[in-house]
Amino acid sequence: ARERILTHRAEVRKQSAIVSDLRAFKEQADKVSELL
């Protein structure tokens, strides 16, 4: 059970990092779009 929980938490953190990266990319893309 411990292993299942830790694996799940690691996956959540991985997804969180991906979402953060995508959000940062989108913010940059939006800035460029607004600029143009």
Full PDB file with SEQRES, HELIX, SHEET, SSBOND, CRYST1, ORIGX, SCALE, CONECT and MASTER records, all heavy atoms in Angstrom:
SEQRES   1 A   36  ALA ARG GLU ARG ILE LEU THR HIS ARG ALA GLU VAL ARG          
SEQRES   2 A   36  LYS GLN SER ALA ILE VAL SER ASP LEU ARG ALA PHE LYS          
SEQRES   3 A   36  GLU GLN ALA ASP LYS VAL SER GLU LEU LEU                      
HELIX    1 AA1 ARG A    2  LEU A   35  1                                  34    
CRYST1    1.000    1.000    1.000  90.00  90.00  90.00 P 1           1          
ORIGX1      1.000000  0.000000  0.000000        0.00000                         
ORIGX2      0.000000  1.000000  0.000000        0.00000                         
ORIGX3      0.000000  0.000000  1.000000        0.00000                         
SCALE1      1.000000  0.000000  0.000000        0.00000                         
SCALE2      0.000000  1.000000  0.000000        0.00000                         
SCALE3      0.000000  0.000000  1.000000        0.00000                         
ATOM      1  N   ALA A   1       0.831  -1.201   0.000  1.00  0.00           N  
ATOM      2  CA  ALA A   1       0.000   0.000   0.000  1.00  0.00           C  
ATOM      3  C   ALA A   1       0.869   1.256   0.000  1.00  0.00           C  
ATOM      4  O   ALA A   1       0.573   2.234  -0.700  1.00  0.00           O  
ATOM      5  CB  ALA A   1      -0.919  -0.003   1.219  1.00  0.00           C  
ATOM      6  N   ARG A   2       1.934   1.234   0.793  1.00  0.00           N  
ATOM      7  CA  ARG A   2       2.858   2.380   0.850  1.00  0.00           C  
ATOM      8  C   ARG A   2       3.445   2.649  -0.533  1.00  0.00           C  
ATOM      9  O   ARG A   2       3.520   3.798  -0.984  1.00  0.00           O  
ATOM     10  CB  ARG A   2       3.972   2.085   1.864  1.00  0.00           C  
ATOM     11  CG  ARG A   2       4.921   3.270   2.086  1.00  0.00           C  
ATOM     12  CD  ARG A   2       6.287   2.777   2.546  1.00  0.00           C  
ATOM     13  NE  ARG A   2       6.182   1.930   3.707  1.00  0.00           N  
ATOM     14  CZ  ARG A   2       6.241   2.352   4.980  1.00  0.00           C  
ATOM     15  NH1 ARG A   2       6.411   3.644   5.216  1.00  0.00           N  
ATOM     16  NH2 ARG A   2       6.164   1.501   5.978  1.00  0.00           N  
ATOM     17  N   GLU A   3       3.858   1.576  -1.211  1.00  0.00           N  
ATOM     18  CA  GLU A   3       4.463   1.721  -2.536  1.00  0.00           C  
ATOM     19  C   GLU A   3       3.457   2.307  -3.527  1.00  0.00           C  
ATOM     20  O   GLU A   3       3.804   3.153  -4.365  1.00  0.00           O  
ATOM     21  CB  GLU A   3       4.967   0.368  -3.035  1.00  0.00           C  
ATOM     22  CG  GLU A   3       5.712   0.426  -4.355  1.00  0.00           C  
ATOM     23  CD  GLU A   3       6.999   1.230  -4.274  1.00  0.00           C  
ATOM     24  OE1 GLU A   3       7.582   1.323  -3.167  1.00  0.00           O  
ATOM     25  OE2 GLU A   3       7.410   1.777  -5.317  1.00  0.00           O  
ATOM     26  N   ARG A   4       2.215   1.875  -3.421  1.00  0.00           N  
ATOM     27  CA  ARG A   4       1.182   2.398  -4.318  1.00  0.00           C  
ATOM     28  C   ARG A   4       0.993   3.896  -4.101  1.00  0.00           C  
ATOM     29  O   ARG A   4       0.876   4.665  -5.068  1.00  0.00           O  
ATOM     30  CB  ARG A   4      -0.141   1.662  -4.085  1.00  0.00           C  
ATOM     31  CG  ARG A   4      -1.284   2.208  -4.923  1.00  0.00           C  
ATOM     32  CD  ARG A   4      -2.598   1.513  -4.642  1.00  0.00           C  
ATOM     33  NE  ARG A   4      -2.621   0.136  -5.093  1.00  0.00           N  
ATOM     34  CZ  ARG A   4      -3.717  -0.623  -5.093  1.00  0.00           C  
ATOM     35  NH1 ARG A   4      -4.876  -0.122  -4.641  1.00  0.00           N  
ATOM     36  NH2 ARG A   4      -3.673  -1.864  -5.520  1.00  0.00           N  
ATOM     37  N   ILE A   5       0.956   4.305  -2.843  1.00  0.00           N  
ATOM     38  CA  ILE A   5       0.745   5.726  -2.541  1.00  0.00           C  
ATOM     39  C   ILE A   5       1.925   6.565  -3.016  1.00  0.00           C  
ATOM     40  O   ILE A   5       1.755   7.630  -3.629  1.00  0.00           O  
ATOM     41  CB  ILE A   5       0.527   5.924  -1.024  1.00  0.00           C  
ATOM     42  CG1 ILE A   5      -0.776   5.275  -0.589  1.00  0.00           C  
ATOM     43  CG2 ILE A   5       0.513   7.412  -0.676  1.00  0.00           C  
ATOM     44  CD1 ILE A   5      -2.009   5.849  -1.243  1.00  0.00           C  
ATOM     45  N   LEU A   6       3.142   6.100  -2.737  1.00  0.00           N  
ATOM     46  CA  LEU A   6       4.326   6.863  -3.138  1.00  0.00           C  
ATOM     47  C   LEU A   6       4.426   6.969  -4.661  1.00  0.00           C  
ATOM     48  O   LEU A   6       4.829   8.011  -5.190  1.00  0.00           O  
ATOM     49  CB  LEU A   6       5.586   6.222  -2.560  1.00  0.00           C  
ATOM     50  CG  LEU A   6       5.715   6.280  -1.035  1.00  0.00           C  
ATOM     51  CD1 LEU A   6       6.975   5.545  -0.581  1.00  0.00           C  
ATOM     52  CD2 LEU A   6       5.746   7.715  -0.549  1.00  0.00           C  
ATOM     53  N   THR A   7       4.080   5.888  -5.358  1.00  0.00           N  
ATOM     54  CA  THR A   7       4.091   5.917  -6.822  1.00  0.00           C  
ATOM     55  C   THR A   7       3.072   6.922  -7.344  1.00  0.00           C  
ATOM     56  O   THR A   7       3.345   7.696  -8.274  1.00  0.00           O  
ATOM     57  CB  THR A   7       3.785   4.525  -7.387  1.00  0.00           C  
ATOM     58  OG1 THR A   7       4.784   3.601  -6.952  1.00  0.00           O  
ATOM     59  CG2 THR A   7       3.747   4.557  -8.914  1.00  0.00           C  
ATOM     60  N   HIS A   8       1.907   6.926  -6.720  1.00  0.00           N  
ATOM     61  CA  HIS A   8       0.863   7.875  -7.124  1.00  0.00           C  
ATOM     62  C   HIS A   8       1.312   9.315  -6.896  1.00  0.00           C  
ATOM     63  O   HIS A   8       1.110  10.187  -7.754  1.00  0.00           O  
ATOM     64  CB  HIS A   8      -0.408   7.595  -6.330  1.00  0.00           C  
ATOM     65  CG  HIS A   8      -1.498   8.593  -6.573  1.00  0.00           C  
ATOM     66  ND1 HIS A   8      -2.233   8.628  -7.727  1.00  0.00           N  
ATOM     67  CD2 HIS A   8      -1.949   9.622  -5.798  1.00  0.00           C  
ATOM     68  CE1 HIS A   8      -3.107   9.619  -7.663  1.00  0.00           C  
ATOM     69  NE2 HIS A   8      -2.967  10.231  -6.514  1.00  0.00           N  
ATOM     70  N   ARG A   9       1.930   9.568  -5.760  1.00  0.00           N  
ATOM     71  CA  ARG A   9       2.379  10.934  -5.469  1.00  0.00           C  
ATOM     72  C   ARG A   9       3.452  11.380  -6.439  1.00  0.00           C  
ATOM     73  O   ARG A   9       3.488  12.541  -6.864  1.00  0.00           O  
ATOM     74  CB  ARG A   9       2.886  11.014  -4.026  1.00  0.00           C  
ATOM     75  CG  ARG A   9       1.774  10.862  -3.002  1.00  0.00           C  
ATOM     76  CD  ARG A   9       2.285  11.057  -1.597  1.00  0.00           C  
ATOM     77  NE  ARG A   9       1.205  10.899  -0.617  1.00  0.00           N  
ATOM     78  CZ  ARG A   9       1.370  11.025   0.682  1.00  0.00           C  
ATOM     79  NH1 ARG A   9       2.563  11.292   1.187  1.00  0.00           N  
ATOM     80  NH2 ARG A   9       0.329  10.887   1.504  1.00  0.00           N  
ATOM     81  N   ALA A  10       4.351  10.453  -6.808  1.00  0.00           N  
ATOM     82  CA  ALA A  10       5.387  10.796  -7.773  1.00  0.00           C  
ATOM     83  C   ALA A  10       4.760  11.147  -9.118  1.00  0.00           C  
ATOM     84  O   ALA A  10       5.197  12.092  -9.799  1.00  0.00           O  
ATOM     85  CB  ALA A  10       6.362   9.636  -7.933  1.00  0.00           C  
ATOM     86  N   GLU A  11       3.717  10.427  -9.498  1.00  0.00           N  
ATOM     87  CA  GLU A  11       3.036  10.703 -10.750  1.00  0.00           C  
ATOM     88  C   GLU A  11       2.322  12.056 -10.701  1.00  0.00           C  
ATOM     89  O   GLU A  11       2.319  12.806 -11.689  1.00  0.00           O  
ATOM     90  CB  GLU A  11       2.031   9.589 -11.052  1.00  0.00           C  
ATOM     91  CG  GLU A  11       1.308   9.743 -12.375  1.00  0.00           C  
ATOM     92  CD  GLU A  11       2.231   9.703 -13.567  1.00  0.00           C  
ATOM     93  OE1 GLU A  11       3.326   9.088 -13.473  1.00  0.00           O  
ATOM     94  OE2 GLU A  11       1.880  10.302 -14.604  1.00  0.00           O  
ATOM     95  N   VAL A  12       1.736  12.360  -9.552  1.00  0.00           N  
ATOM     96  CA  VAL A  12       1.060  13.649  -9.400  1.00  0.00           C  
ATOM     97  C   VAL A  12       2.068  14.789  -9.554  1.00  0.00           C  
ATOM     98  O   VAL A  12       1.808  15.797 -10.212  1.00  0.00           O  
ATOM     99  CB  VAL A  12       0.351  13.735  -8.039  1.00  0.00           C  
ATOM    100  CG1 VAL A  12      -0.108  15.166  -7.761  1.00  0.00           C  
ATOM    101  CG2 VAL A  12      -0.846  12.797  -8.007  1.00  0.00           C  
ATOM    102  N   ARG A  13       3.235  14.630  -8.929  1.00  0.00           N  
ATOM    103  CA  ARG A  13       4.267  15.672  -9.035  1.00  0.00           C  
ATOM    104  C   ARG A  13       4.745  15.809 -10.475  1.00  0.00           C  
ATOM    105  O   ARG A  13       5.013  16.912 -10.955  1.00  0.00           O  
ATOM    106  CB  ARG A  13       5.424  15.346  -8.108  1.00  0.00           C  
ATOM    107  CG  ARG A  13       5.104  15.545  -6.639  1.00  0.00           C  
ATOM    108  CD  ARG A  13       6.373  15.565  -5.782  1.00  0.00           C  
ATOM    109  NE  ARG A  13       6.043  15.891  -4.413  1.00  0.00           N  
ATOM    110  CZ  ARG A  13       5.744  14.999  -3.482  1.00  0.00           C  
ATOM    111  NH1 ARG A  13       5.736  13.718  -3.788  1.00  0.00           N  
ATOM    112  NH2 ARG A  13       5.454  15.370  -2.252  1.00  0.00           N  
ATOM    113  N   LYS A  14       4.874  14.682 -11.164  1.00  0.00           N  
ATOM    114  CA  LYS A  14       5.303  14.729 -12.555  1.00  0.00           C  
ATOM    115  C   LYS A  14       4.283  15.477 -13.399  1.00  0.00           C  
ATOM    116  O   LYS A  14       4.634  16.333 -14.216  1.00  0.00           O  
ATOM    117  CB  LYS A  14       5.477  13.303 -13.081  1.00  0.00           C  
ATOM    118  CG  LYS A  14       5.929  13.225 -14.527  1.00  0.00           C  
ATOM    119  CD  LYS A  14       6.085  11.772 -14.957  1.00  0.00           C  
ATOM    120  CE  LYS A  14       6.501  11.677 -16.421  1.00  0.00           C  
ATOM    121  NZ  LYS A  14       6.642  10.259 -16.846  1.00  0.00           N  
ATOM    122  N   GLN A  15       3.015  15.164 -13.185  1.00  0.00           N  
ATOM    123  CA  GLN A  15       1.962  15.863 -13.923  1.00  0.00           C  
ATOM    124  C   GLN A  15       1.935  17.341 -13.572  1.00  0.00           C  
ATOM    125  O   GLN A  15       1.726  18.190 -14.437  1.00  0.00           O  
ATOM    126  CB  GLN A  15       0.606  15.228 -13.609  1.00  0.00           C  
ATOM    127  CG  GLN A  15       0.431  13.818 -14.151  1.00  0.00           C  
ATOM    128  CD  GLN A  15      -0.941  13.257 -13.836  1.00  0.00           C  
ATOM    129  OE1 GLN A  15      -1.908  13.998 -13.685  1.00  0.00           O  
ATOM    130  NE2 GLN A  15      -1.023  11.949 -13.721  1.00  0.00           N  
ATOM    131  N   SER A  16       2.167  17.649 -12.303  1.00  0.00           N  
ATOM    132  CA  SER A  16       2.176  19.048 -11.879  1.00  0.00           C  
ATOM    133  C   SER A  16       3.294  19.812 -12.574  1.00  0.00           C  
ATOM    134  O   SER A  16       3.116  20.954 -13.009  1.00  0.00           O  
ATOM    135  CB  SER A  16       2.356  19.124 -10.357  1.00  0.00           C  
ATOM    136  OG  SER A  16       2.422  20.457  -9.921  1.00  0.00           O  
ATOM    137  N   ALA A  17       4.472  19.162 -12.686  1.00  0.00           N  
ATOM    138  CA  ALA A  17       5.600  19.810 -13.357  1.00  0.00           C  
ATOM    139  C   ALA A  17       5.300  20.033 -14.831  1.00  0.00           C  
ATOM    140  O   ALA A  17       5.623  21.082 -15.394  1.00  0.00           O  
ATOM    141  CB  ALA A  17       6.858  18.957 -13.196  1.00  0.00           C  
ATOM    142  N   ILE A  18       4.652  19.045 -15.460  1.00  0.00           N  
ATOM    143  CA  ILE A  18       4.299  19.177 -16.874  1.00  0.00           C  
ATOM    144  C   ILE A  18       3.309  20.322 -17.070  1.00  0.00           C  
ATOM    145  O   ILE A  18       3.445  21.146 -17.977  1.00  0.00           O  
ATOM    146  CB  ILE A  18       3.704  17.859 -17.396  1.00  0.00           C  
ATOM    147  CG1 ILE A  18       4.786  16.771 -17.436  1.00  0.00           C  
ATOM    148  CG2 ILE A  18       3.096  18.050 -18.786  1.00  0.00           C  
ATOM    149  CD1 ILE A  18       4.260  15.402 -17.790  1.00  0.00           C  
ATOM    150  N   VAL A  19       2.308  20.368 -16.196  1.00  0.00           N  
ATOM    151  CA  VAL A  19       1.309  21.438 -16.291  1.00  0.00           C  
ATOM    152  C   VAL A  19       1.966  22.801 -16.099  1.00  0.00           C  
ATOM    153  O   VAL A  19       1.655  23.763 -16.800  1.00  0.00           O  
ATOM    154  CB  VAL A  19       0.190  21.220 -15.256  1.00  0.00           C  
ATOM    155  CG1 VAL A  19      -0.730  22.438 -15.200  1.00  0.00           C  
ATOM    156  CG2 VAL A  19      -0.621  19.981 -15.603  1.00  0.00           C  
ATOM    157  N   SER A  20       2.896  22.886 -15.143  1.00  0.00           N  
ATOM    158  CA  SER A  20       3.586  24.157 -14.901  1.00  0.00           C  
ATOM    159  C   SER A  20       4.386  24.585 -16.122  1.00  0.00           C  
ATOM    160  O   SER A  20       4.391  25.757 -16.503  1.00  0.00           O  
ATOM    161  CB  SER A  20       4.503  24.028 -13.680  1.00  0.00           C  
ATOM    162  OG  SER A  20       3.761  23.799 -12.510  1.00  0.00           O  
ATOM    163  N   ASP A  21       5.076  23.603 -16.745  1.00  0.00           N  
ATOM    164  CA  ASP A  21       5.859  23.919 -17.939  1.00  0.00           C  
ATOM    165  C   ASP A  21       4.956  24.379 -19.081  1.00  0.00           C  
ATOM    166  O   ASP A  21       5.267  25.333 -19.796  1.00  0.00           O  
ATOM    167  CB  ASP A  21       6.670  22.692 -18.382  1.00  0.00           C  
ATOM    168  CG  ASP A  21       7.810  22.380 -17.422  1.00  0.00           C  
ATOM    169  OD1 ASP A  21       8.172  23.263 -16.629  1.00  0.00           O  
ATOM    170  OD2 ASP A  21       8.328  21.254 -17.467  1.00  0.00           O  
ATOM    171  N   LEU A  22       3.828  23.683 -19.249  1.00  0.00           N  
ATOM    172  CA  LEU A  22       2.895  24.063 -20.304  1.00  0.00           C  
ATOM    173  C   LEU A  22       2.307  25.445 -20.052  1.00  0.00           C  
ATOM    174  O   LEU A  22       2.130  26.237 -20.981  1.00  0.00           O  
ATOM    175  CB  LEU A  22       1.772  23.022 -20.399  1.00  0.00           C  
ATOM    176  CG  LEU A  22       2.155  21.657 -20.981  1.00  0.00           C  
ATOM    177  CD1 LEU A  22       0.978  20.700 -20.897  1.00  0.00           C  
ATOM    178  CD2 LEU A  22       2.628  21.793 -22.427  1.00  0.00           C  
ATOM    179  N   ARG A  23       2.024  25.730 -18.780  1.00  0.00           N  
ATOM    180  CA  ARG A  23       1.468  27.039 -18.461  1.00  0.00           C  
ATOM    181  C   ARG A  23       2.488  28.141 -18.725  1.00  0.00           C  
ATOM    182  O   ARG A  23       2.145  29.201 -19.272  1.00  0.00           O  
ATOM    183  CB  ARG A  23       1.042  27.081 -16.993  1.00  0.00           C  
ATOM    184  CG  ARG A  23       0.393  28.394 -16.593  1.00  0.00           C  
ATOM    185  CD  ARG A  23      -0.167  28.306 -15.194  1.00  0.00           C  
ATOM    186  NE  ARG A  23       0.862  27.974 -14.229  1.00  0.00           N  
ATOM    187  CZ  ARG A  23       0.630  27.704 -12.951  1.00  0.00           C  
ATOM    188  NH1 ARG A  23      -0.608  27.713 -12.514  1.00  0.00           N  
ATOM    189  NH2 ARG A  23       1.608  27.408 -12.137  1.00  0.00           N  
ATOM    190  N   ALA A  24       3.751  27.879 -18.373  1.00  0.00           N  
ATOM    191  CA  ALA A  24       4.789  28.874 -18.626  1.00  0.00           C  
ATOM    192  C   ALA A  24       4.962  29.097 -20.126  1.00  0.00           C  
ATOM    193  O   ALA A  24       5.116  30.235 -20.587  1.00  0.00           O  
ATOM    194  CB  ALA A  24       6.114  28.420 -18.001  1.00  0.00           C  
ATOM    195  N   PHE A  25       4.920  27.992 -20.886  1.00  0.00           N  
ATOM    196  CA  PHE A  25       5.040  28.114 -22.339  1.00  0.00           C  
ATOM    197  C   PHE A  25       3.875  28.908 -22.902  1.00  0.00           C  
ATOM    198  O   PHE A  25       4.047  29.768 -23.784  1.00  0.00           O  
ATOM    199  CB  PHE A  25       5.087  26.725 -22.967  1.00  0.00           C  
ATOM    200  CG  PHE A  25       5.110  26.740 -24.467  1.00  0.00           C  
ATOM    201  CD1 PHE A  25       6.282  26.982 -25.167  1.00  0.00           C  
ATOM    202  CD2 PHE A  25       3.945  26.521 -25.188  1.00  0.00           C  
ATOM    203  CE1 PHE A  25       6.299  27.004 -26.546  1.00  0.00           C  
ATOM    204  CE2 PHE A  25       3.947  26.539 -26.569  1.00  0.00           C  
ATOM    205  CZ  PHE A  25       5.132  26.782 -27.249  1.00  0.00           C  
ATOM    206  N   LYS A  26       2.667  28.622 -22.406  1.00  0.00           N  
ATOM    207  CA  LYS A  26       1.485  29.334 -22.891  1.00  0.00           C  
ATOM    208  C   LYS A  26       1.572  30.822 -22.575  1.00  0.00           C  
ATOM    209  O   LYS A  26       1.204  31.675 -23.380  1.00  0.00           O  
ATOM    210  CB  LYS A  26       0.216  28.745 -22.275  1.00  0.00           C  
ATOM    211  CG  LYS A  26      -1.064  29.393 -22.796  1.00  0.00           C  
ATOM    212  CD  LYS A  26      -2.293  28.768 -22.163  1.00  0.00           C  
ATOM    213  CE  LYS A  26      -3.576  29.378 -22.745  1.00  0.00           C  
ATOM    214  NZ  LYS A  26      -3.652  30.834 -22.558  1.00  0.00           N  
ATOM    215  N   GLU A  27       2.063  31.151 -21.383  1.00  0.00           N  
ATOM    216  CA  GLU A  27       2.201  32.557 -21.010  1.00  0.00           C  
ATOM    217  C   GLU A  27       3.152  33.273 -21.954  1.00  0.00           C  
ATOM    218  O   GLU A  27       2.897  34.405 -22.380  1.00  0.00           O  
ATOM    219  CB  GLU A  27       2.689  32.668 -19.565  1.00  0.00           C  
ATOM    220  CG  GLU A  27       1.631  32.266 -18.529  1.00  0.00           C  
ATOM    221  CD  GLU A  27       2.179  32.282 -17.122  1.00  0.00           C  
ATOM    222  OE1 GLU A  27       3.407  32.474 -16.962  1.00  0.00           O  
ATOM    223  OE2 GLU A  27       1.389  32.104 -16.173  1.00  0.00           O  
ATOM    224  N   GLN A  28       4.267  32.603 -22.282  1.00  0.00           N  
ATOM    225  CA  GLN A  28       5.216  33.203 -23.213  1.00  0.00           C  
ATOM    226  C   GLN A  28       4.600  33.349 -24.599  1.00  0.00           C  
ATOM    227  O   GLN A  28       4.773  34.371 -25.268  1.00  0.00           O  
ATOM    228  CB  GLN A  28       6.487  32.340 -23.296  1.00  0.00           C  
ATOM    229  CG  GLN A  28       7.316  32.325 -22.025  1.00  0.00           C  
ATOM    230  CD  GLN A  28       7.823  33.707 -21.653  1.00  0.00           C  
ATOM    231  OE1 GLN A  28       8.207  34.489 -22.529  1.00  0.00           O  
ATOM    232  NE2 GLN A  28       7.840  34.020 -20.378  1.00  0.00           N  
ATOM    233  N   ALA A  29       3.877  32.302 -25.030  1.00  0.00           N  
ATOM    234  CA  ALA A  29       3.231  32.365 -26.338  1.00  0.00           C  
ATOM    235  C   ALA A  29       2.189  33.477 -26.387  1.00  0.00           C  
ATOM    236  O   ALA A  29       2.069  34.189 -27.385  1.00  0.00           O  
ATOM    237  CB  ALA A  29       2.584  31.018 -26.659  1.00  0.00           C  
ATOM    238  N   ASP A  30       1.443  33.629 -25.291  1.00  0.00           N  
ATOM    239  CA  ASP A  30       0.437  34.690 -25.235  1.00  0.00           C  
ATOM    240  C   ASP A  30       1.083  36.064 -25.310  1.00  0.00           C  
ATOM    241  O   ASP A  30       0.556  36.979 -25.959  1.00  0.00           O  
ATOM    242  CB  ASP A  30      -0.396  34.575 -23.949  1.00  0.00           C  
ATOM    243  CG  ASP A  30      -1.346  33.392 -23.981  1.00  0.00           C  
ATOM    244  OD1 ASP A  30      -1.575  32.852 -25.071  1.00  0.00           O  
ATOM    245  OD2 ASP A  30      -1.828  33.002 -22.896  1.00  0.00           O  
ATOM    246  N   LYS A  31       2.232  36.218 -24.629  1.00  0.00           N  
ATOM    247  CA  LYS A  31       2.922  37.507 -24.659  1.00  0.00           C  
ATOM    248  C   LYS A  31       3.367  37.853 -26.076  1.00  0.00           C  
ATOM    249  O   LYS A  31       3.229  38.991 -26.533  1.00  0.00           O  
ATOM    250  CB  LYS A  31       4.128  37.475 -23.723  1.00  0.00           C  
ATOM    251  CG  LYS A  31       3.767  37.481 -22.244  1.00  0.00           C  
ATOM    252  CD  LYS A  31       5.019  37.432 -21.386  1.00  0.00           C  
ATOM    253  CE  LYS A  31       4.661  37.409 -19.899  1.00  0.00           C  
ATOM    254  NZ  LYS A  31       5.861  37.320 -19.053  1.00  0.00           N  
ATOM    255  N   VAL A  32       3.910  36.838 -26.766  1.00  0.00           N  
ATOM    256  CA  VAL A  32       4.357  37.081 -28.136  1.00  0.00           C  
ATOM    257  C   VAL A  32       3.167  37.399 -29.035  1.00  0.00           C  
ATOM    258  O   VAL A  32       3.230  38.290 -29.875  1.00  0.00           O  
ATOM    259  CB  VAL A  32       5.121  35.848 -28.674  1.00  0.00           C  
ATOM    260  CG1 VAL A  32       5.438  36.028 -30.153  1.00  0.00           C  
ATOM    261  CG2 VAL A  32       6.409  35.651 -27.890  1.00  0.00           C  
ATOM    262  N   SER A  33       2.060  36.666 -28.841  1.00  0.00           N  
ATOM    263  CA  SER A  33       0.861  36.920 -29.635  1.00  0.00           C  
ATOM    264  C   SER A  33       0.344  38.329 -29.404  1.00  0.00           C  
ATOM    265  O   SER A  33      -0.034  39.039 -30.340  1.00  0.00           O  
ATOM    266  CB  SER A  33      -0.233  35.904 -29.281  1.00  0.00           C  
ATOM    267  OG  SER A  33       0.168  34.605 -29.622  1.00  0.00           O  
ATOM    268  N   GLU A  34       0.322  38.750 -28.138  1.00  0.00           N  
ATOM    269  CA  GLU A  34      -0.130  40.101 -27.824  1.00  0.00           C  
ATOM    270  C   GLU A  34       0.805  41.140 -28.437  1.00  0.00           C  
ATOM    271  O   GLU A  34       0.365  42.180 -28.936  1.00  0.00           O  
ATOM    272  CB  GLU A  34      -0.186  40.287 -26.308  1.00  0.00           C  
ATOM    273  CG  GLU A  34      -1.288  39.462 -25.637  1.00  0.00           C  
ATOM    274  CD  GLU A  34      -1.198  39.523 -24.129  1.00  0.00           C  
ATOM    275  OE1 GLU A  34      -0.307  40.254 -23.630  1.00  0.00           O  
ATOM    276  OE2 GLU A  34      -1.989  38.847 -23.455  1.00  0.00           O  
ATOM    277  N   LEU A  35       2.093  40.823 -28.395  1.00  0.00           N  
ATOM    278  CA  LEU A  35       3.088  41.739 -28.950  1.00  0.00           C  
ATOM    279  C   LEU A  35       2.862  41.952 -30.438  1.00  0.00           C  
ATOM    280  O   LEU A  35       2.815  43.079 -30.937  1.00  0.00           O  
ATOM    281  CB  LEU A  35       4.488  41.178 -28.699  1.00  0.00           C  
ATOM    282  CG  LEU A  35       5.678  41.998 -29.188  1.00  0.00           C  
ATOM    283  CD1 LEU A  35       5.771  43.291 -28.415  1.00  0.00           C  
ATOM    284  CD2 LEU A  35       6.958  41.198 -29.049  1.00  0.00           C  
ATOM    285  N   LEU A  36       2.688  40.850 -31.158  1.00  0.00           N  
ATOM    286  CA  LEU A  36       2.487  40.956 -32.596  1.00  0.00           C  
ATOM    287  C   LEU A  36       1.129  41.557 -32.935  1.00  0.00           C  
ATOM    288  O   LEU A  36       0.980  42.232 -33.943  1.00  0.00           O  
ATOM    289  CB  LEU A  36       2.613  39.571 -33.233  1.00  0.00           C  
ATOM    290  CG  LEU A  36       4.021  38.962 -33.204  1.00  0.00           C  
ATOM    291  CD1 LEU A  36       3.998  37.557 -33.771  1.00  0.00           C  
ATOM    292  CD2 LEU A  36       5.015  39.823 -33.956  1.00  0.00           C  
TER     293      LEU A  36                                                      
MASTER        0    0    0    1    0    0    0    6  292    1    0    3          
END                                                                             
